[in-house]
Amino acid sequence: MFKENIILENEEVLLRPLHRNDLENLKHFVINEPEIWKFSLVQIATVEQLEDYINKAVEARELEKEYPFIVFDKVKKEYAGCTRYYDIQLAYKYLQLGYTWYGKTFQGTKLNKNCKLLLLEYAFEILGMERVEFRADNRNERSKVAMKSIGCVVEGIFRNHLPTIEGGRRDSIVLSILKEEWEKKVKENLIQKINSR
């Protein structure tokens, strides 16, 4: 999968591989909305830090460890943020989906559900994954609500799991979707939510 130019899209969203020159498409977020990384493990408060973030994401793809995407909102005709597959275990049919962030005007819209539909379809139906896992700072209520709304099942909390950018350590919530759950209900429910007005 790492050698492929994976492009996922529907009528509302386009996901394509993140590239180093995408700094130009994303830097206005760090200039105008640095608070969107409040719960991130990575400090992004300057354009230079965002450039480093993008470079490391692209390097991780080149090293066949992760697959980062840039997200384009086809309705608003604007770049919205980023997301990625990581901890990809093809032999064990497992991966994690995360490092997802969007600008404020895209939060709370159907953009995230459209992105997750495309990413989960590809993970389960093309890559043949048996499990897709999600993690977040347990204090991040917006993220937890979003993950549960797409059909993720809460598995538990990793206590005192990772350092935070402000100092101290965070508890991480762990959620997942299994292939059989995707096939039986999650995909259909997600499509219905996207299509509801």
N, C-alpha and C. Protein backbone atom coordinates (compact mmCIF):
# COMPACT_ATOMS: atom_id res chain seq x y z
N MET A 1 0.81 -1.21 0.00
CA MET A 1 0.00 0.00 0.00
C MET A 1 0.85 1.26 0.00
N PHE A 2 2.08 1.19 0.54
CA PHE A 2 2.90 2.39 0.68
C PHE A 2 3.38 2.93 -0.66
N LYS A 3 3.50 2.05 -1.64
CA LYS A 3 3.98 2.47 -2.95
C LYS A 3 2.85 3.07 -3.80
N GLU A 4 1.63 2.82 -3.39
CA GLU A 4 0.48 3.29 -4.16
C GLU A 4 0.18 4.75 -3.87
N ASN A 5 -0.34 5.41 -4.88
CA ASN A 5 -0.82 6.78 -4.71
C ASN A 5 -2.31 6.66 -4.36
N ILE A 6 -2.61 6.45 -3.08
CA ILE A 6 -3.98 6.18 -2.67
C ILE A 6 -4.78 7.48 -2.66
N ILE A 7 -5.85 7.48 -3.45
CA ILE A 7 -6.78 8.61 -3.49
C ILE A 7 -8.17 8.08 -3.16
N LEU A 8 -8.77 8.63 -2.13
CA LEU A 8 -10.10 8.22 -1.69
C LEU A 8 -11.02 9.42 -1.84
N GLU A 9 -12.17 9.22 -2.49
CA GLU A 9 -13.07 10.36 -2.64
C GLU A 9 -14.50 9.94 -2.88
N ASN A 10 -15.39 10.85 -2.53
CA ASN A 10 -16.80 10.75 -2.88
C ASN A 10 -17.25 12.15 -3.32
N GLU A 11 -18.52 12.42 -3.31
CA GLU A 11 -19.00 13.72 -3.80
C GLU A 11 -18.61 14.88 -2.89
N GLU A 12 -18.30 14.59 -1.62
CA GLU A 12 -18.09 15.66 -0.66
C GLU A 12 -16.65 15.85 -0.20
N VAL A 13 -15.82 14.82 -0.32
CA VAL A 13 -14.47 14.92 0.23
C VAL A 13 -13.48 14.16 -0.64
N LEU A 14 -12.24 14.64 -0.63
CA LEU A 14 -11.13 14.00 -1.33
C LEU A 14 -9.98 13.84 -0.34
N LEU A 15 -9.46 12.63 -0.25
CA LEU A 15 -8.26 12.37 0.53
C LEU A 15 -7.17 11.92 -0.43
N ARG A 16 -6.03 12.58 -0.37
CA ARG A 16 -4.89 12.19 -1.20
C ARG A 16 -3.64 12.20 -0.34
N PRO A 17 -2.56 11.56 -0.81
CA PRO A 17 -1.34 11.54 0.01
C PRO A 17 -0.85 12.94 0.36
N LEU A 18 -0.45 13.10 1.60
CA LEU A 18 0.13 14.36 2.05
C LEU A 18 1.54 14.49 1.48
N HIS A 19 1.89 15.69 1.00
CA HIS A 19 3.22 15.95 0.44
C HIS A 19 3.84 17.16 1.15
N ARG A 20 5.14 17.27 1.03
CA ARG A 20 5.85 18.37 1.71
C ARG A 20 5.35 19.74 1.26
N ASN A 21 5.02 19.88 -0.01
CA ASN A 21 4.56 21.19 -0.49
C ASN A 21 3.15 21.54 -0.03
N ASP A 22 2.48 20.62 0.70
CA ASP A 22 1.17 20.94 1.26
C ASP A 22 1.23 21.92 2.41
N LEU A 23 2.43 22.27 2.83
CA LEU A 23 2.56 23.32 3.85
C LEU A 23 1.79 24.57 3.43
N GLU A 24 1.86 24.89 2.15
CA GLU A 24 1.17 26.09 1.65
C GLU A 24 -0.34 25.96 1.78
N ASN A 25 -0.87 24.73 1.68
CA ASN A 25 -2.32 24.52 1.78
C ASN A 25 -2.82 24.50 3.22
N LEU A 26 -1.90 24.36 4.18
CA LEU A 26 -2.31 24.15 5.57
C LEU A 26 -1.82 25.22 6.55
N LYS A 27 -0.85 26.02 6.14
CA LYS A 27 -0.21 26.91 7.12
C LYS A 27 -1.16 27.96 7.70
N HIS A 28 -2.23 28.32 6.97
CA HIS A 28 -3.15 29.31 7.54
C HIS A 28 -3.83 28.81 8.81
N PHE A 29 -3.92 27.47 8.97
CA PHE A 29 -4.53 26.94 10.20
C PHE A 29 -3.66 27.25 11.42
N VAL A 30 -2.34 27.08 11.28
CA VAL A 30 -1.47 27.34 12.42
C VAL A 30 -1.37 28.84 12.71
N ILE A 31 -1.52 29.65 11.69
CA ILE A 31 -1.48 31.10 11.88
C ILE A 31 -2.76 31.59 12.55
N ASN A 32 -3.91 31.06 12.13
CA ASN A 32 -5.21 31.57 12.59
C ASN A 32 -5.90 30.72 13.65
N GLU A 33 -5.56 29.43 13.74
CA GLU A 33 -6.29 28.53 14.64
C GLU A 33 -5.35 27.56 15.37
N PRO A 34 -4.30 28.02 16.02
CA PRO A 34 -3.36 27.10 16.66
C PRO A 34 -3.98 26.25 17.76
N GLU A 35 -5.13 26.68 18.29
CA GLU A 35 -5.78 25.93 19.36
C GLU A 35 -6.36 24.59 18.90
N ILE A 36 -6.43 24.33 17.59
CA ILE A 36 -6.99 23.05 17.14
C ILE A 36 -6.09 21.88 17.51
N TRP A 37 -4.85 22.17 17.91
CA TRP A 37 -3.92 21.10 18.33
C TRP A 37 -3.84 20.99 19.85
N LYS A 38 -4.82 21.51 20.56
CA LYS A 38 -4.78 21.53 22.03
C LYS A 38 -4.52 20.15 22.62
N PHE A 39 -5.15 19.11 22.08
CA PHE A 39 -5.01 17.78 22.64
C PHE A 39 -4.02 16.90 21.87
N SER A 40 -3.28 17.51 20.98
CA SER A 40 -2.32 16.77 20.17
C SER A 40 -1.10 16.39 21.00
N LEU A 41 -0.44 15.32 20.59
CA LEU A 41 0.81 14.93 21.22
C LEU A 41 1.97 15.78 20.69
N VAL A 42 1.72 16.49 19.61
CA VAL A 42 2.75 17.28 18.95
C VAL A 42 2.42 18.76 19.08
N GLN A 43 3.40 19.55 19.49
CA GLN A 43 3.22 20.99 19.59
C GLN A 43 3.26 21.60 18.19
N ILE A 44 2.18 22.24 17.77
CA ILE A 44 2.15 22.94 16.48
C ILE A 44 1.61 24.34 16.74
N ALA A 45 2.54 25.26 16.92
CA ALA A 45 2.16 26.64 17.21
C ALA A 45 2.79 27.61 16.23
N THR A 46 3.65 27.10 15.34
CA THR A 46 4.31 27.96 14.36
C THR A 46 4.29 27.25 13.00
N VAL A 47 4.50 28.02 11.95
CA VAL A 47 4.58 27.44 10.60
C VAL A 47 5.74 26.47 10.52
N GLU A 48 6.83 26.78 11.21
CA GLU A 48 8.00 25.88 11.21
C GLU A 48 7.67 24.54 11.86
N GLN A 49 6.89 24.56 12.93
CA GLN A 49 6.49 23.31 13.58
C GLN A 49 5.54 22.51 12.69
N LEU A 50 4.67 23.20 11.96
CA LEU A 50 3.79 22.50 11.03
C LEU A 50 4.61 21.88 9.90
N GLU A 51 5.60 22.60 9.42
CA GLU A 51 6.48 22.06 8.37
C GLU A 51 7.19 20.80 8.85
N ASP A 52 7.66 20.82 10.09
CA ASP A 52 8.32 19.65 10.68
C ASP A 52 7.34 18.48 10.80
N TYR A 53 6.12 18.79 11.22
CA TYR A 53 5.06 17.77 11.34
C TYR A 53 4.80 17.11 9.99
N ILE A 54 4.67 17.92 8.94
CA ILE A 54 4.41 17.39 7.60
C ILE A 54 5.60 16.57 7.11
N ASN A 55 6.82 17.07 7.31
CA ASN A 55 8.01 16.35 6.87
C ASN A 55 8.12 14.98 7.55
N LYS A 56 7.84 14.93 8.84
CA LYS A 56 7.91 13.66 9.57
C LYS A 56 6.82 12.69 9.10
N ALA A 57 5.64 13.21 8.80
CA ALA A 57 4.56 12.36 8.30
C ALA A 57 4.92 11.76 6.94
N VAL A 58 5.49 12.58 6.06
CA VAL A 58 5.89 12.10 4.73
C VAL A 58 7.03 11.09 4.86
N GLU A 59 7.99 11.36 5.74
CA GLU A 59 9.09 10.42 5.97
C GLU A 59 8.56 9.09 6.48
N ALA A 60 7.55 9.13 7.35
CA ALA A 60 6.98 7.89 7.88
C ALA A 60 6.34 7.06 6.77
N ARG A 61 5.73 7.75 5.77
CA ARG A 61 5.19 7.01 4.63
C ARG A 61 6.33 6.41 3.80
N GLU A 62 7.36 7.19 3.58
CA GLU A 62 8.50 6.70 2.80
C GLU A 62 9.18 5.52 3.47
N LEU A 63 9.15 5.48 4.81
CA LEU A 63 9.72 4.36 5.56
C LEU A 63 8.72 3.22 5.74
N GLU A 64 7.54 3.37 5.12
CA GLU A 64 6.48 2.36 5.15
C GLU A 64 5.98 2.07 6.57
N LYS A 65 5.84 3.14 7.35
CA LYS A 65 5.32 3.01 8.71
C LYS A 65 3.92 3.59 8.86
N GLU A 66 3.63 4.64 8.09
CA GLU A 66 2.35 5.35 8.19
C GLU A 66 1.92 5.78 6.80
N TYR A 67 0.64 6.16 6.69
CA TYR A 67 0.16 6.69 5.41
C TYR A 67 -0.69 7.92 5.68
N PRO A 68 -0.08 9.12 5.61
CA PRO A 68 -0.82 10.36 5.89
C PRO A 68 -1.54 10.89 4.65
N PHE A 69 -2.71 11.48 4.90
CA PHE A 69 -3.53 12.09 3.85
C PHE A 69 -3.77 13.55 4.18
N ILE A 70 -3.92 14.37 3.14
CA ILE A 70 -4.47 15.70 3.29
C ILE A 70 -5.95 15.60 2.89
N VAL A 71 -6.79 16.36 3.59
CA VAL A 71 -8.25 16.29 3.38
C VAL A 71 -8.71 17.55 2.66
N PHE A 72 -9.43 17.35 1.55
CA PHE A 72 -9.98 18.46 0.77
C PHE A 72 -11.49 18.38 0.78
N ASP A 73 -12.13 19.44 1.25
CA ASP A 73 -13.59 19.54 1.27
C ASP A 73 -14.05 19.98 -0.12
N LYS A 74 -14.71 19.07 -0.85
CA LYS A 74 -15.13 19.36 -2.22
C LYS A 74 -16.33 20.29 -2.27
N VAL A 75 -17.08 20.37 -1.19
CA VAL A 75 -18.23 21.27 -1.13
C VAL A 75 -17.75 22.71 -0.96
N LYS A 76 -16.87 22.93 0.01
CA LYS A 76 -16.34 24.28 0.27
C LYS A 76 -15.17 24.62 -0.65
N LYS A 77 -14.65 23.59 -1.33
CA LYS A 77 -13.49 23.78 -2.22
C LYS A 77 -12.29 24.35 -1.46
N GLU A 78 -12.04 23.73 -0.29
CA GLU A 78 -10.93 24.17 0.56
C GLU A 78 -10.27 22.96 1.21
N TYR A 79 -8.97 23.09 1.48
CA TYR A 79 -8.29 22.07 2.27
C TYR A 79 -8.76 22.20 3.72
N ALA A 80 -9.04 21.06 4.33
CA ALA A 80 -9.66 21.06 5.65
C ALA A 80 -8.75 20.61 6.77
N GLY A 81 -7.74 19.79 6.47
CA GLY A 81 -6.88 19.26 7.52
C GLY A 81 -6.16 18.01 7.07
N CYS A 82 -5.87 17.14 8.03
CA CYS A 82 -5.11 15.91 7.76
C CYS A 82 -5.65 14.74 8.57
N THR A 83 -5.30 13.53 8.11
CA THR A 83 -5.59 12.30 8.84
C THR A 83 -4.60 11.25 8.36
N ARG A 84 -4.53 10.11 9.03
CA ARG A 84 -3.60 9.08 8.56
C ARG A 84 -3.88 7.70 9.14
N TYR A 85 -3.39 6.70 8.41
CA TYR A 85 -3.25 5.35 8.94
C TYR A 85 -1.88 5.28 9.61
N TYR A 86 -1.81 4.62 10.76
CA TYR A 86 -0.50 4.42 11.40
C TYR A 86 -0.53 3.10 12.17
N ASP A 87 0.63 2.73 12.72
CA ASP A 87 0.79 1.41 13.36
C ASP A 87 0.17 0.34 12.46
N ILE A 88 0.55 0.36 11.20
CA ILE A 88 -0.04 -0.53 10.19
C ILE A 88 0.60 -1.91 10.29
N GLN A 89 -0.21 -2.88 10.62
CA GLN A 89 0.27 -4.26 10.79
C GLN A 89 -0.43 -5.15 9.75
N LEU A 90 0.06 -5.11 8.52
CA LEU A 90 -0.60 -5.85 7.44
C LEU A 90 -0.64 -7.35 7.72
N ALA A 91 0.41 -7.89 8.29
CA ALA A 91 0.46 -9.33 8.58
C ALA A 91 -0.60 -9.74 9.59
N TYR A 92 -0.91 -8.83 10.50
CA TYR A 92 -1.89 -9.13 11.56
C TYR A 92 -3.26 -8.52 11.27
N LYS A 93 -3.40 -7.86 10.12
CA LYS A 93 -4.67 -7.29 9.68
C LYS A 93 -5.24 -6.30 10.68
N TYR A 94 -4.37 -5.36 11.04
CA TYR A 94 -4.72 -4.38 12.06
C TYR A 94 -4.03 -3.07 11.73
N LEU A 95 -4.70 -1.96 11.99
CA LEU A 95 -4.06 -0.65 11.90
C LEU A 95 -4.79 0.33 12.80
N GLN A 96 -4.16 1.48 12.99
CA GLN A 96 -4.79 2.57 13.73
C GLN A 96 -5.10 3.70 12.77
N LEU A 97 -6.15 4.42 13.08
CA LEU A 97 -6.57 5.56 12.28
C LEU A 97 -6.57 6.77 13.21
N GLY A 98 -5.82 7.79 12.84
CA GLY A 98 -5.76 8.95 13.73
C GLY A 98 -4.92 10.08 13.18
N TYR A 99 -4.31 10.85 14.10
CA TYR A 99 -3.63 12.09 13.75
C TYR A 99 -4.57 12.96 12.91
N THR A 100 -5.85 12.92 13.27
CA THR A 100 -6.87 13.64 12.50
C THR A 100 -7.09 15.02 13.10
N TRP A 101 -7.03 16.03 12.26
CA TRP A 101 -7.37 17.38 12.70
C TRP A 101 -7.97 18.14 11.52
N TYR A 102 -8.92 19.01 11.87
CA TYR A 102 -9.59 19.85 10.88
C TYR A 102 -9.66 21.29 11.38
N GLY A 103 -9.69 22.23 10.46
CA GLY A 103 -9.93 23.62 10.83
C GLY A 103 -11.31 23.78 11.44
N LYS A 104 -11.49 24.85 12.18
CA LYS A 104 -12.73 25.05 12.93
C LYS A 104 -13.99 25.02 12.08
N THR A 105 -13.96 25.59 10.89
CA THR A 105 -15.17 25.65 10.07
C THR A 105 -15.58 24.28 9.53
N PHE A 106 -14.69 23.30 9.64
CA PHE A 106 -14.99 21.95 9.15
C PHE A 106 -15.41 21.02 10.29
N GLN A 107 -15.20 21.46 11.52
CA GLN A 107 -15.56 20.65 12.68
C GLN A 107 -17.07 20.68 12.88
N GLY A 108 -17.64 19.53 13.22
CA GLY A 108 -19.08 19.46 13.43
C GLY A 108 -19.88 19.37 12.15
N THR A 109 -19.20 19.26 11.01
CA THR A 109 -19.89 19.07 9.73
C THR A 109 -19.84 17.58 9.38
N LYS A 110 -20.31 17.24 8.21
CA LYS A 110 -20.28 15.82 7.80
C LYS A 110 -18.95 15.42 7.19
N LEU A 111 -18.01 16.35 7.18
CA LEU A 111 -16.70 16.06 6.60
C LEU A 111 -16.04 14.87 7.28
N ASN A 112 -16.01 14.86 8.61
CA ASN A 112 -15.33 13.77 9.31
C ASN A 112 -15.99 12.42 9.02
N LYS A 113 -17.30 12.38 9.01
CA LYS A 113 -17.98 11.11 8.73
C LYS A 113 -17.68 10.62 7.31
N ASN A 114 -17.64 11.55 6.35
CA ASN A 114 -17.27 11.19 4.98
C ASN A 114 -15.84 10.65 4.93
N CYS A 115 -14.92 11.32 5.62
CA CYS A 115 -13.53 10.84 5.66
C CYS A 115 -13.44 9.45 6.26
N LYS A 116 -14.11 9.27 7.39
CA LYS A 116 -14.03 7.97 8.05
C LYS A 116 -14.68 6.87 7.21
N LEU A 117 -15.77 7.18 6.51
CA LEU A 117 -16.38 6.20 5.62
C LEU A 117 -15.37 5.73 4.58
N LEU A 118 -14.69 6.66 3.93
CA LEU A 118 -13.72 6.32 2.90
C LEU A 118 -12.54 5.55 3.47
N LEU A 119 -12.02 5.99 4.60
CA LEU A 119 -10.86 5.34 5.22
C LEU A 119 -11.19 3.94 5.73
N LEU A 120 -12.37 3.80 6.32
CA LEU A 120 -12.77 2.48 6.83
C LEU A 120 -13.09 1.53 5.70
N GLU A 121 -13.75 2.02 4.65
CA GLU A 121 -14.00 1.17 3.47
C GLU A 121 -12.69 0.63 2.91
N TYR A 122 -11.71 1.50 2.78
CA TYR A 122 -10.43 1.07 2.21
C TYR A 122 -9.74 0.08 3.15
N ALA A 123 -9.76 0.36 4.44
CA ALA A 123 -9.10 -0.51 5.42
C ALA A 123 -9.72 -1.90 5.45
N PHE A 124 -11.04 -1.96 5.54
CA PHE A 124 -11.70 -3.26 5.67
C PHE A 124 -11.89 -3.98 4.34
N GLU A 125 -12.25 -3.23 3.30
CA GLU A 125 -12.67 -3.86 2.04
C GLU A 125 -11.57 -4.00 1.01
N ILE A 126 -10.54 -3.19 1.09
CA ILE A 126 -9.41 -3.29 0.15
C ILE A 126 -8.19 -3.91 0.82
N LEU A 127 -7.82 -3.39 1.99
CA LEU A 127 -6.65 -3.92 2.68
C LEU A 127 -6.95 -5.20 3.45
N GLY A 128 -8.22 -5.48 3.70
CA GLY A 128 -8.59 -6.71 4.41
C GLY A 128 -8.31 -6.69 5.90
N MET A 129 -8.34 -5.50 6.50
CA MET A 129 -8.12 -5.40 7.95
C MET A 129 -9.25 -6.08 8.72
N GLU A 130 -8.89 -6.63 9.87
CA GLU A 130 -9.87 -7.22 10.77
C GLU A 130 -10.24 -6.28 11.91
N ARG A 131 -9.38 -5.27 12.12
CA ARG A 131 -9.57 -4.35 13.25
C ARG A 131 -8.98 -3.00 12.89
N VAL A 132 -9.72 -1.94 13.19
CA VAL A 132 -9.21 -0.57 13.09
C VAL A 132 -9.36 0.06 14.46
N GLU A 133 -8.27 0.58 14.97
CA GLU A 133 -8.25 1.14 16.32
C GLU A 133 -8.11 2.66 16.27
N PHE A 134 -8.68 3.31 17.27
CA PHE A 134 -8.64 4.76 17.43
C PHE A 134 -8.20 5.06 18.86
N ARG A 135 -7.44 6.13 19.03
CA ARG A 135 -7.05 6.57 20.37
C ARG A 135 -7.14 8.08 20.45
N ALA A 136 -7.36 8.58 21.66
CA ALA A 136 -7.42 10.03 21.85
C ALA A 136 -7.14 10.35 23.31
N ASP A 137 -6.79 11.60 23.54
CA ASP A 137 -6.68 12.11 24.90
C ASP A 137 -8.07 11.98 25.52
N ASN A 138 -8.16 11.37 26.67
CA ASN A 138 -9.46 11.14 27.30
C ASN A 138 -10.17 12.43 27.69
N ARG A 139 -9.45 13.55 27.71
CA ARG A 139 -10.08 14.85 28.02
C ARG A 139 -10.75 15.46 26.78
N ASN A 140 -10.47 14.90 25.62
CA ASN A 140 -10.95 15.48 24.36
C ASN A 140 -12.37 15.01 24.06
N GLU A 141 -13.33 15.70 24.64
CA GLU A 141 -14.74 15.29 24.52
C GLU A 141 -15.22 15.33 23.07
N ARG A 142 -14.82 16.35 22.31
CA ARG A 142 -15.25 16.46 20.92
C ARG A 142 -14.80 15.24 20.12
N SER A 143 -13.57 14.82 20.32
CA SER A 143 -13.03 13.67 19.60
C SER A 143 -13.75 12.38 20.00
N LYS A 144 -14.01 12.23 21.30
CA LYS A 144 -14.69 11.01 21.76
C LYS A 144 -16.11 10.92 21.19
N VAL A 145 -16.83 12.03 21.19
CA VAL A 145 -18.18 12.05 20.62
C VAL A 145 -18.13 11.69 19.14
N ALA A 146 -17.16 12.26 18.42
CA ALA A 146 -17.04 11.99 16.98
C ALA A 146 -16.76 10.52 16.71
N MET A 147 -15.86 9.92 17.49
CA MET A 147 -15.52 8.51 17.27
C MET A 147 -16.70 7.59 17.59
N LYS A 148 -17.39 7.89 18.67
CA LYS A 148 -18.55 7.07 19.02
C LYS A 148 -19.65 7.22 17.97
N SER A 149 -19.78 8.41 17.39
CA SER A 149 -20.86 8.66 16.43
C SER A 149 -20.65 7.90 15.11
N ILE A 150 -19.41 7.52 14.80
CA ILE A 150 -19.19 6.74 13.58
C ILE A 150 -19.29 5.24 13.84
N GLY A 151 -19.45 4.85 15.11
CA GLY A 151 -19.63 3.44 15.42
C GLY A 151 -18.52 2.77 16.19
N CYS A 152 -17.58 3.57 16.69
CA CYS A 152 -16.48 2.99 17.48
C CYS A 152 -16.99 2.48 18.83
N VAL A 153 -16.41 1.38 19.27
CA VAL A 153 -16.71 0.79 20.58
C VAL A 153 -15.58 1.14 21.54
N VAL A 154 -15.94 1.68 22.70
CA VAL A 154 -14.93 2.00 23.71
C VAL A 154 -14.41 0.71 24.33
N GLU A 155 -13.10 0.57 24.36
CA GLU A 155 -12.48 -0.63 24.93
C GLU A 155 -11.89 -0.38 26.30
N GLY A 156 -11.48 0.85 26.55
CA GLY A 156 -10.91 1.13 27.86
C GLY A 156 -10.02 2.35 27.84
N ILE A 157 -9.33 2.55 28.96
CA ILE A 157 -8.46 3.70 29.14
C ILE A 157 -7.05 3.22 29.47
N PHE A 158 -6.08 3.76 28.74
CA PHE A 158 -4.68 3.58 29.11
C PHE A 158 -4.34 4.71 30.07
N ARG A 159 -4.18 4.38 31.33
CA ARG A 159 -3.95 5.40 32.35
C ARG A 159 -2.52 5.94 32.28
N ASN A 160 -2.40 7.26 32.48
CA ASN A 160 -1.08 7.90 32.52
C ASN A 160 -0.24 7.47 31.33
N HIS A 161 -0.86 7.47 30.17
CA HIS A 161 -0.31 6.80 28.98
C HIS A 161 0.81 7.55 28.28
N LEU A 162 0.58 8.83 27.96
CA LEU A 162 1.53 9.58 27.14
C LEU A 162 1.74 10.99 27.68
N PRO A 163 2.90 11.57 27.40
CA PRO A 163 3.13 12.95 27.86
C PRO A 163 2.28 13.94 27.07
N THR A 164 1.92 15.03 27.71
CA THR A 164 1.15 16.08 27.04
C THR A 164 2.08 17.24 26.69
N ILE A 165 1.65 18.06 25.73
CA ILE A 165 2.51 19.16 25.31
C ILE A 165 2.64 20.24 26.38
N GLU A 166 1.66 20.29 27.32
CA GLU A 166 1.74 21.30 28.38
C GLU A 166 2.45 20.78 29.62
N GLY A 167 2.92 19.54 29.57
CA GLY A 167 3.56 18.92 30.72
C GLY A 167 2.60 17.95 31.40
N GLY A 168 3.13 17.01 32.14
CA GLY A 168 2.30 15.99 32.75
C GLY A 168 2.02 14.87 31.76
N ARG A 169 1.07 14.02 32.12
CA ARG A 169 0.75 12.88 31.29
C ARG A 169 -0.76 12.77 31.11
N ARG A 170 -1.17 12.17 30.01
CA ARG A 170 -2.59 12.04 29.72
C ARG A 170 -3.03 10.59 29.84
N ASP A 171 -4.32 10.41 30.11
CA ASP A 171 -4.96 9.12 29.94
C ASP A 171 -5.44 9.05 28.49
N SER A 172 -5.28 7.91 27.85
CA SER A 172 -5.73 7.74 26.46
C SER A 172 -6.90 6.79 26.40
N ILE A 173 -7.97 7.22 25.73
CA ILE A 173 -9.11 6.33 25.51
C ILE A 173 -8.84 5.52 24.25
N VAL A 174 -9.19 4.24 24.30
CA VAL A 174 -8.98 3.33 23.17
C VAL A 174 -10.34 2.84 22.68
N LEU A 175 -10.58 2.98 21.38
CA LEU A 175 -11.82 2.54 20.75
C LEU A 175 -11.46 1.73 19.52
N SER A 176 -12.43 0.97 19.02
CA SER A 176 -12.14 0.19 17.81
C SER A 176 -13.42 -0.13 17.06
N ILE A 177 -13.22 -0.54 15.80
CA ILE A 177 -14.27 -1.13 14.97
C ILE A 177 -13.70 -2.42 14.41
N LEU A 178 -14.46 -3.49 14.51
CA LEU A 178 -14.05 -4.78 13.96
C LEU A 178 -14.70 -4.99 12.60
N LYS A 179 -14.08 -5.81 11.77
CA LYS A 179 -14.59 -6.04 10.42
C LYS A 179 -16.05 -6.50 10.43
N GLU A 180 -16.37 -7.43 11.33
CA GLU A 180 -17.76 -7.94 11.37
C GLU A 180 -18.74 -6.85 11.77
N GLU A 181 -18.32 -5.93 12.63
CA GLU A 181 -19.18 -4.80 13.02
C GLU A 181 -19.36 -3.85 11.83
N TRP A 182 -18.30 -3.63 11.08
CA TRP A 182 -18.36 -2.81 9.88
C TRP A 182 -19.37 -3.38 8.90
N GLU A 183 -19.28 -4.67 8.66
CA GLU A 183 -20.14 -5.32 7.67
C GLU A 183 -21.59 -5.40 8.13
N LYS A 184 -21.81 -5.63 9.41
CA LYS A 184 -23.18 -5.85 9.90
C LYS A 184 -23.96 -4.55 10.12
N LYS A 185 -23.28 -3.50 10.61
CA LYS A 185 -24.06 -2.31 10.96
C LYS A 185 -23.34 -0.98 10.81
N VAL A 186 -22.04 -0.94 11.10
CA VAL A 186 -21.36 0.35 11.17
C VAL A 186 -21.37 1.08 9.83
N LYS A 187 -21.06 0.39 8.74
CA LYS A 187 -21.02 1.04 7.43
C LYS A 187 -22.40 1.60 7.07
N GLU A 188 -23.42 0.79 7.21
CA GLU A 188 -24.78 1.22 6.86
C GLU A 188 -25.22 2.40 7.72
N ASN A 189 -24.95 2.34 9.02
CA ASN A 189 -25.32 3.44 9.92
C ASN A 189 -24.58 4.72 9.58
N LEU A 190 -23.32 4.59 9.21
CA LEU A 190 -22.53 5.76 8.85
C LEU A 190 -23.05 6.40 7.57
N ILE A 191 -23.39 5.59 6.59
CA ILE A 191 -23.96 6.11 5.35
C ILE A 191 -25.29 6.82 5.61
N GLN A 192 -26.12 6.23 6.47
CA GLN A 192 -27.40 6.86 6.80
C GLN A 192 -27.21 8.22 7.47
N LYS A 193 -26.23 8.32 8.35
CA LYS A 193 -25.95 9.59 9.03
C LYS A 193 -25.46 10.64 8.04
N ILE A 194 -24.63 10.22 7.09
CA ILE A 194 -24.13 11.15 6.08
C ILE A 194 -25.27 11.65 5.19
N ASN A 195 -26.19 10.75 4.85
CA ASN A 195 -27.28 11.09 3.94
C ASN A 195 -28.44 11.81 4.60
N SER A 196 -28.49 11.79 5.93
CA SER A 196 -29.58 12.47 6.63
C SER A 196 -29.38 13.98 6.56
N ARG A 197 -30.43 14.73 6.46
CA ARG A 197 -30.33 16.19 6.36
C ARG A 197 -30.93 16.86 7.56
